[in-house]
Structure formats: C-alpha cells, structure tokens
Amino acid sequence: MSADEARRAVIDGLQDALATEHAALWCYSLAAAFLTGPAAEQANQDARDHLRLRGAVERTLSRLGAPAVSAQPAYATPEPVVDADSAAALLRVAETDALAAWRSLLERSTDPGIRRPALKALTDGTLRCARWRVVTGTPPAIPVFPGQNDPT
C-alpha cells in the first residue's frame, strides 16, 4: 500500500468513526426522552463521552487537512423507540456500531497517534456497550470480540 493509499485509508476510517459518533449522539438524544433515574444519568455521561470523541476526531481530520463528514438530520432506528427498554436497546446498538468503527480504524492505521486514541475509544466503548447489554439483558455482558460483527 502506498503512502497516499494508507493516508486515505486512515482518513476513511476517521470519517467512519466520526459518522458513528454523530449517530450515537443522535441516538442518545432520542433515548433521553424515555430514560429516567440512573439509566438517564448514565446515558447523559455516555453522550458526553461521545461528544468528546466526536470533537477529537474532527480535530484529527482537520490536522490531516480533510473536511469532516457532517451529521445527518436524523437516523433510522433498528426498532421503534417507544419506552425505556427500546431506548436502552437503541443505545446498545449505537455502542455496538461505534465499536465496529473504532476497531476498523485500528485495523487501517499503523500511526501510534491514531491507534492509541482509537484503542482507548474501543476500550471505553466496550464498557459503555457492556452496561447497555446488561440493561437490555443481552448476554454476554462484554462483547466477545468488541467491534466484530455482533449477532445481538
């Protein structure tokens, strides 16, 4: 792979990660309408984490001279969100999707300056995903291979 191809692969991976962070933030905003108590507090913290990640990816893309992909005005949910249970299920899916994007970025880059934050995002995201998997009763609590295709 040429240097240009490697750079393009990293930028594409960052764009994918950014797109999933946009989607995750949208999902957390939707879920907030249905969650209360500790679940709402956890969702608020998780949303702040995604906001931080989104900002970090945007700054990295800017340093690389690449325009950041924009958020969509809305996203399709895999199932209708009508109560706390379906809101938690949506957040489990959002976290699972984000894990896949971060893992993909790890696979596309050899640059430690990209890989370290991507690994941290994958690790932190695994914990967020595990919490929502427990809330939704989705075993195992911790995904076996975070970021790989998850049949749940």
C-alpha atoms as a PDB file:
ATOM      1  CA  MET A   1       0.000   0.000   0.000  1.00  0.00           C
ATOM      2  CA  SER A   2       1.399   3.382  -0.992  1.00  0.00           C
ATOM      3  CA  ALA A   3       1.681   6.261   1.463  1.00  0.00           C
ATOM      4  CA  ASP A   4      -1.236   8.016  -0.265  1.00  0.00           C
ATOM      5  CA  GLU A   5      -3.387   4.882  -0.041  1.00  0.00           C
ATOM      6  CA  ALA A   6      -2.500   4.455   3.635  1.00  0.00           C
ATOM      7  CA  ARG A   7      -3.359   8.094   4.345  1.00  0.00           C
ATOM      8  CA  ARG A   8      -6.690   7.711   2.501  1.00  0.00           C
ATOM      9  CA  ALA A   9      -7.466   4.543   4.485  1.00  0.00           C
ATOM     10  CA  VAL A  10      -6.853   6.377   7.768  1.00  0.00           C
ATOM     11  CA  ILE A  11      -8.981   9.335   6.695  1.00  0.00           C
ATOM     12  CA  ASP A  12     -11.771   6.973   5.617  1.00  0.00           C
ATOM     13  CA  GLY A  13     -11.547   5.201   8.977  1.00  0.00           C
ATOM     14  CA  LEU A  14     -11.707   8.509  10.823  1.00  0.00           C
ATOM     15  CA  GLN A  15     -14.703   9.581   8.734  1.00  0.00           C
ATOM     16  CA  ASP A  16     -16.459   6.285   9.567  1.00  0.00           C
ATOM     17  CA  ALA A  17     -15.708   6.761  13.264  1.00  0.00           C
ATOM     18  CA  LEU A  18     -16.997  10.334  13.083  1.00  0.00           C
ATOM     19  CA  ALA A  19     -20.184   9.222  11.336  1.00  0.00           C
ATOM     20  CA  THR A  20     -20.870   6.663  14.075  1.00  0.00           C
ATOM     21  CA  GLU A  21     -20.189   9.274  16.754  1.00  0.00           C
ATOM     22  CA  HIS A  22     -22.716  11.590  15.084  1.00  0.00           C
ATOM     23  CA  ALA A  23     -25.235   8.737  15.005  1.00  0.00           C
ATOM     24  CA  ALA A  24     -24.528   7.755  18.611  1.00  0.00           C
ATOM     25  CA  LEU A  25     -25.135  11.308  19.795  1.00  0.00           C
ATOM     26  CA  TRP A  26     -28.430  11.388  17.900  1.00  0.00           C
ATOM     27  CA  CYS A  27     -29.427   8.061  19.478  1.00  0.00           C
ATOM     28  CA  TYR A  28     -28.583   9.312  22.956  1.00  0.00           C
ATOM     29  CA  SER A  29     -30.677  12.427  22.344  1.00  0.00           C
ATOM     30  CA  LEU A  30     -33.638  10.288  21.322  1.00  0.00           C
ATOM     31  CA  ALA A  31     -33.197   7.825  24.197  1.00  0.00           C
ATOM     32  CA  ALA A  32     -33.054  10.656  26.741  1.00  0.00           C
ATOM     33  CA  ALA A  33     -36.777  11.236  26.238  1.00  0.00           C
ATOM     34  CA  PHE A  34     -37.533   7.743  27.566  1.00  0.00           C
ATOM     35  CA  LEU A  35     -34.925   7.130  30.274  1.00  0.00           C
ATOM     36  CA  THR A  36     -35.191   8.120  33.929  1.00  0.00           C
ATOM     37  CA  GLY A  37     -33.131   7.765  37.085  1.00  0.00           C
ATOM     38  CA  PRO A  38     -29.759   6.014  36.926  1.00  0.00           C
ATOM     39  CA  ALA A  39     -30.248   4.991  33.279  1.00  0.00           C
ATOM     40  CA  ALA A  40     -30.780   8.634  32.311  1.00  0.00           C
ATOM     41  CA  GLU A  41     -27.710   9.692  34.287  1.00  0.00           C
ATOM     42  CA  GLN A  42     -25.613   7.004  32.591  1.00  0.00           C
ATOM     43  CA  ALA A  43     -26.935   7.990  29.177  1.00  0.00           C
ATOM     44  CA  ASN A  44     -26.007  11.623  29.854  1.00  0.00           C
ATOM     45  CA  GLN A  45     -22.449  10.618  30.796  1.00  0.00           C
ATOM     46  CA  ASP A  46     -22.164   8.363  27.758  1.00  0.00           C
ATOM     47  CA  ALA A  47     -23.402  11.154  25.495  1.00  0.00           C
ATOM     48  CA  ARG A  48     -20.722  13.464  26.917  1.00  0.00           C
ATOM     49  CA  ASP A  49     -18.126  10.780  26.118  1.00  0.00           C
ATOM     50  CA  HIS A  50     -19.368  10.598  22.524  1.00  0.00           C
ATOM     51  CA  LEU A  51     -19.331  14.384  22.249  1.00  0.00           C
ATOM     52  CA  ARG A  52     -15.689  14.369  23.364  1.00  0.00           C
ATOM     53  CA  LEU A  53     -14.838  11.618  20.874  1.00  0.00           C
ATOM     54  CA  ARG A  54     -16.581  13.455  18.058  1.00  0.00           C
ATOM     55  CA  GLY A  55     -14.588  16.593  18.783  1.00  0.00           C
ATOM     56  CA  ALA A  56     -11.318  14.652  18.891  1.00  0.00           C
ATOM     57  CA  VAL A  57     -11.993  13.028  15.517  1.00  0.00           C
ATOM     58  CA  GLU A  58     -12.948  16.365  13.963  1.00  0.00           C
ATOM     59  CA  ARG A  59      -9.692  17.900  15.217  1.00  0.00           C
ATOM     60  CA  THR A  60      -7.668  14.966  13.871  1.00  0.00           C
ATOM     61  CA  LEU A  61      -9.314  15.234  10.454  1.00  0.00           C
ATOM     62  CA  SER A  62      -8.615  18.959  10.442  1.00  0.00           C
ATOM     63  CA  ARG A  63      -4.925  18.317  11.219  1.00  0.00           C
ATOM     64  CA  LEU A  64      -4.856  15.893   8.286  1.00  0.00           C
ATOM     65  CA  GLY A  65      -6.420  18.525   6.018  1.00  0.00           C
ATOM     66  CA  ALA A  66      -9.620  16.539   5.475  1.00  0.00           C
ATOM     67  CA  PRO A  67     -13.104  18.032   5.848  1.00  0.00           C
ATOM     68  CA  ALA A  68     -15.174  16.259   8.499  1.00  0.00           C
ATOM     69  CA  VAL A  69     -18.276  14.371   7.420  1.00  0.00           C
ATOM     70  CA  SER A  70     -21.442  16.137   8.606  1.00  0.00           C
ATOM     71  CA  ALA A  71     -24.089  14.655  10.853  1.00  0.00           C
ATOM     72  CA  GLN A  72     -27.319  13.552   9.240  1.00  0.00           C
ATOM     73  CA  PRO A  73     -30.500  15.386  10.286  1.00  0.00           C
ATOM     74  CA  ALA A  74     -31.920  12.070  11.551  1.00  0.00           C
ATOM     75  CA  TYR A  75     -31.113   8.371  11.592  1.00  0.00           C
ATOM     76  CA  ALA A  76     -33.194   5.234  11.124  1.00  0.00           C
ATOM     77  CA  THR A  77     -33.538   3.177  14.275  1.00  0.00           C
ATOM     78  CA  PRO A  78     -33.477  -0.620  14.014  1.00  0.00           C
ATOM     79  CA  GLU A  79     -36.716  -0.782  16.029  1.00  0.00           C
ATOM     80  CA  PRO A  80     -39.200   1.903  17.096  1.00  0.00           C
ATOM     81  CA  VAL A  81     -38.199   3.649  20.325  1.00  0.00           C
ATOM     82  CA  VAL A  82     -41.316   3.853  22.480  1.00  0.00           C
ATOM     83  CA  ASP A  83     -40.191   3.230  26.069  1.00  0.00           C
ATOM     84  CA  ALA A  84     -37.161   2.839  28.332  1.00  0.00           C
ATOM     85  CA  ASP A  85     -36.491  -0.734  27.192  1.00  0.00           C
ATOM     86  CA  SER A  86     -36.434   0.146  23.495  1.00  0.00           C
ATOM     87  CA  ALA A  87     -34.355   3.258  24.260  1.00  0.00           C
ATOM     88  CA  ALA A  88     -31.759   1.122  26.061  1.00  0.00           C
ATOM     89  CA  ALA A  89     -31.772  -1.335  23.144  1.00  0.00           C
ATOM     90  CA  LEU A  90     -31.090   1.550  20.763  1.00  0.00           C
ATOM     91  CA  LEU A  91     -28.123   2.636  22.874  1.00  0.00           C
ATOM     92  CA  ARG A  92     -26.765  -0.927  22.857  1.00  0.00           C
ATOM     93  CA  VAL A  93     -26.916  -0.848  19.037  1.00  0.00           C
ATOM     94  CA  ALA A  94     -25.314   2.613  18.877  1.00  0.00           C
ATOM     95  CA  GLU A  95     -22.442   1.467  21.075  1.00  0.00           C
ATOM     96  CA  THR A  96     -22.020  -1.740  19.068  1.00  0.00           C
ATOM     97  CA  ASP A  97     -21.866   0.279  15.841  1.00  0.00           C
ATOM     98  CA  ALA A  98     -19.309   2.659  17.339  1.00  0.00           C
ATOM     99  CA  LEU A  99     -17.144  -0.283  18.420  1.00  0.00           C
ATOM    100  CA  ALA A 100     -17.077  -1.559  14.844  1.00  0.00           C
ATOM    101  CA  ALA A 101     -15.934   1.830  13.542  1.00  0.00           C
ATOM    102  CA  TRP A 102     -13.185   2.206  16.140  1.00  0.00           C
ATOM    103  CA  ARG A 103     -11.943  -1.333  15.548  1.00  0.00           C
ATOM    104  CA  SER A 104     -11.895  -0.674  11.808  1.00  0.00           C
ATOM    105  CA  LEU A 105      -9.806   2.450  12.357  1.00  0.00           C
ATOM    106  CA  LEU A 106      -7.321   0.412  14.402  1.00  0.00           C
ATOM    107  CA  GLU A 107      -7.055  -2.045  11.524  1.00  0.00           C
ATOM    108  CA  ARG A 108      -6.478   0.718   8.962  1.00  0.00           C
ATOM    109  CA  SER A 109      -3.713   2.640  10.718  1.00  0.00           C
ATOM    110  CA  THR A 110      -0.145   1.989  11.776  1.00  0.00           C
ATOM    111  CA  ASP A 111       0.294   5.500  13.220  1.00  0.00           C
ATOM    112  CA  PRO A 112       0.519   5.369  17.034  1.00  0.00           C
ATOM    113  CA  GLY A 113      -1.027   8.859  17.171  1.00  0.00           C
ATOM    114  CA  ILE A 114      -4.173   7.428  15.557  1.00  0.00           C
ATOM    115  CA  ARG A 115      -4.093   3.944  17.068  1.00  0.00           C
ATOM    116  CA  ARG A 116      -3.724   4.962  20.749  1.00  0.00           C
ATOM    117  CA  PRO A 117      -6.888   7.116  20.833  1.00  0.00           C
ATOM    118  CA  ALA A 118      -8.744   4.549  18.703  1.00  0.00           C
ATOM    119  CA  LEU A 119      -7.822   1.778  21.145  1.00  0.00           C
ATOM    120  CA  LYS A 120      -8.928   3.933  24.082  1.00  0.00           C
ATOM    121  CA  ALA A 121     -12.220   4.643  22.293  1.00  0.00           C
ATOM    122  CA  LEU A 122     -12.679   0.913  21.644  1.00  0.00           C
ATOM    123  CA  THR A 123     -11.888   0.040  25.268  1.00  0.00           C
ATOM    124  CA  ASP A 124     -14.103   2.741  26.772  1.00  0.00           C
ATOM    125  CA  GLY A 125     -16.849   1.929  24.282  1.00  0.00           C
ATOM    126  CA  THR A 126     -16.722  -1.730  25.268  1.00  0.00           C
ATOM    127  CA  LEU A 127     -17.552  -0.730  28.844  1.00  0.00           C
ATOM    128  CA  ARG A 128     -20.405   1.516  27.696  1.00  0.00           C
ATOM    129  CA  CYS A 129     -21.712  -1.261  25.477  1.00  0.00           C
ATOM    130  CA  ALA A 130     -21.464  -3.770  28.331  1.00  0.00           C
ATOM    131  CA  ARG A 131     -23.588  -1.541  30.583  1.00  0.00           C
ATOM    132  CA  TRP A 132     -26.348  -1.289  27.950  1.00  0.00           C
ATOM    133  CA  ARG A 133     -26.093  -5.024  27.244  1.00  0.00           C
ATOM    134  CA  VAL A 134     -26.734  -5.680  30.945  1.00  0.00           C
ATOM    135  CA  VAL A 135     -29.673  -3.248  30.983  1.00  0.00           C
ATOM    136  CA  THR A 136     -31.199  -4.970  27.943  1.00  0.00           C
ATOM    137  CA  GLY A 137     -30.440  -8.478  29.180  1.00  0.00           C
ATOM    138  CA  THR A 138     -28.180  -9.239  26.204  1.00  0.00           C
ATOM    139  CA  PRO A 139     -25.572 -11.875  27.050  1.00  0.00           C
ATOM    140  CA  PRO A 140     -22.663 -11.868  27.234  1.00  0.00           C
ATOM    141  CA  ALA A 141     -22.344  -8.567  29.029  1.00  0.00           C
ATOM    142  CA  ILE A 142     -18.988  -7.836  27.434  1.00  0.00           C
ATOM    143  CA  PRO A 143     -18.857  -8.488  23.699  1.00  0.00           C
ATOM    144  CA  VAL A 144     -16.556 -11.429  22.980  1.00  0.00           C
ATOM    145  CA  PHE A 145     -14.645  -9.570  20.259  1.00  0.00           C
ATOM    146  CA  PRO A 146     -15.512  -5.858  20.601  1.00  0.00           C
ATOM    147  CA  GLY A 147     -16.060  -4.285  17.234  1.00  0.00           C
ATOM    148  CA  GLN A 148     -16.607  -7.510  15.317  1.00  0.00           C
ATOM    149  CA  ASN A 149     -19.990  -8.435  13.928  1.00  0.00           C
ATOM    150  CA  ASP A 150     -22.272  -8.967  16.909  1.00  0.00           C
ATOM    151  CA  PRO A 151     -25.314 -11.134  16.198  1.00  0.00           C
ATOM    152  CA  THR A 152     -27.260  -9.482  19.034  1.00  0.00           C
END
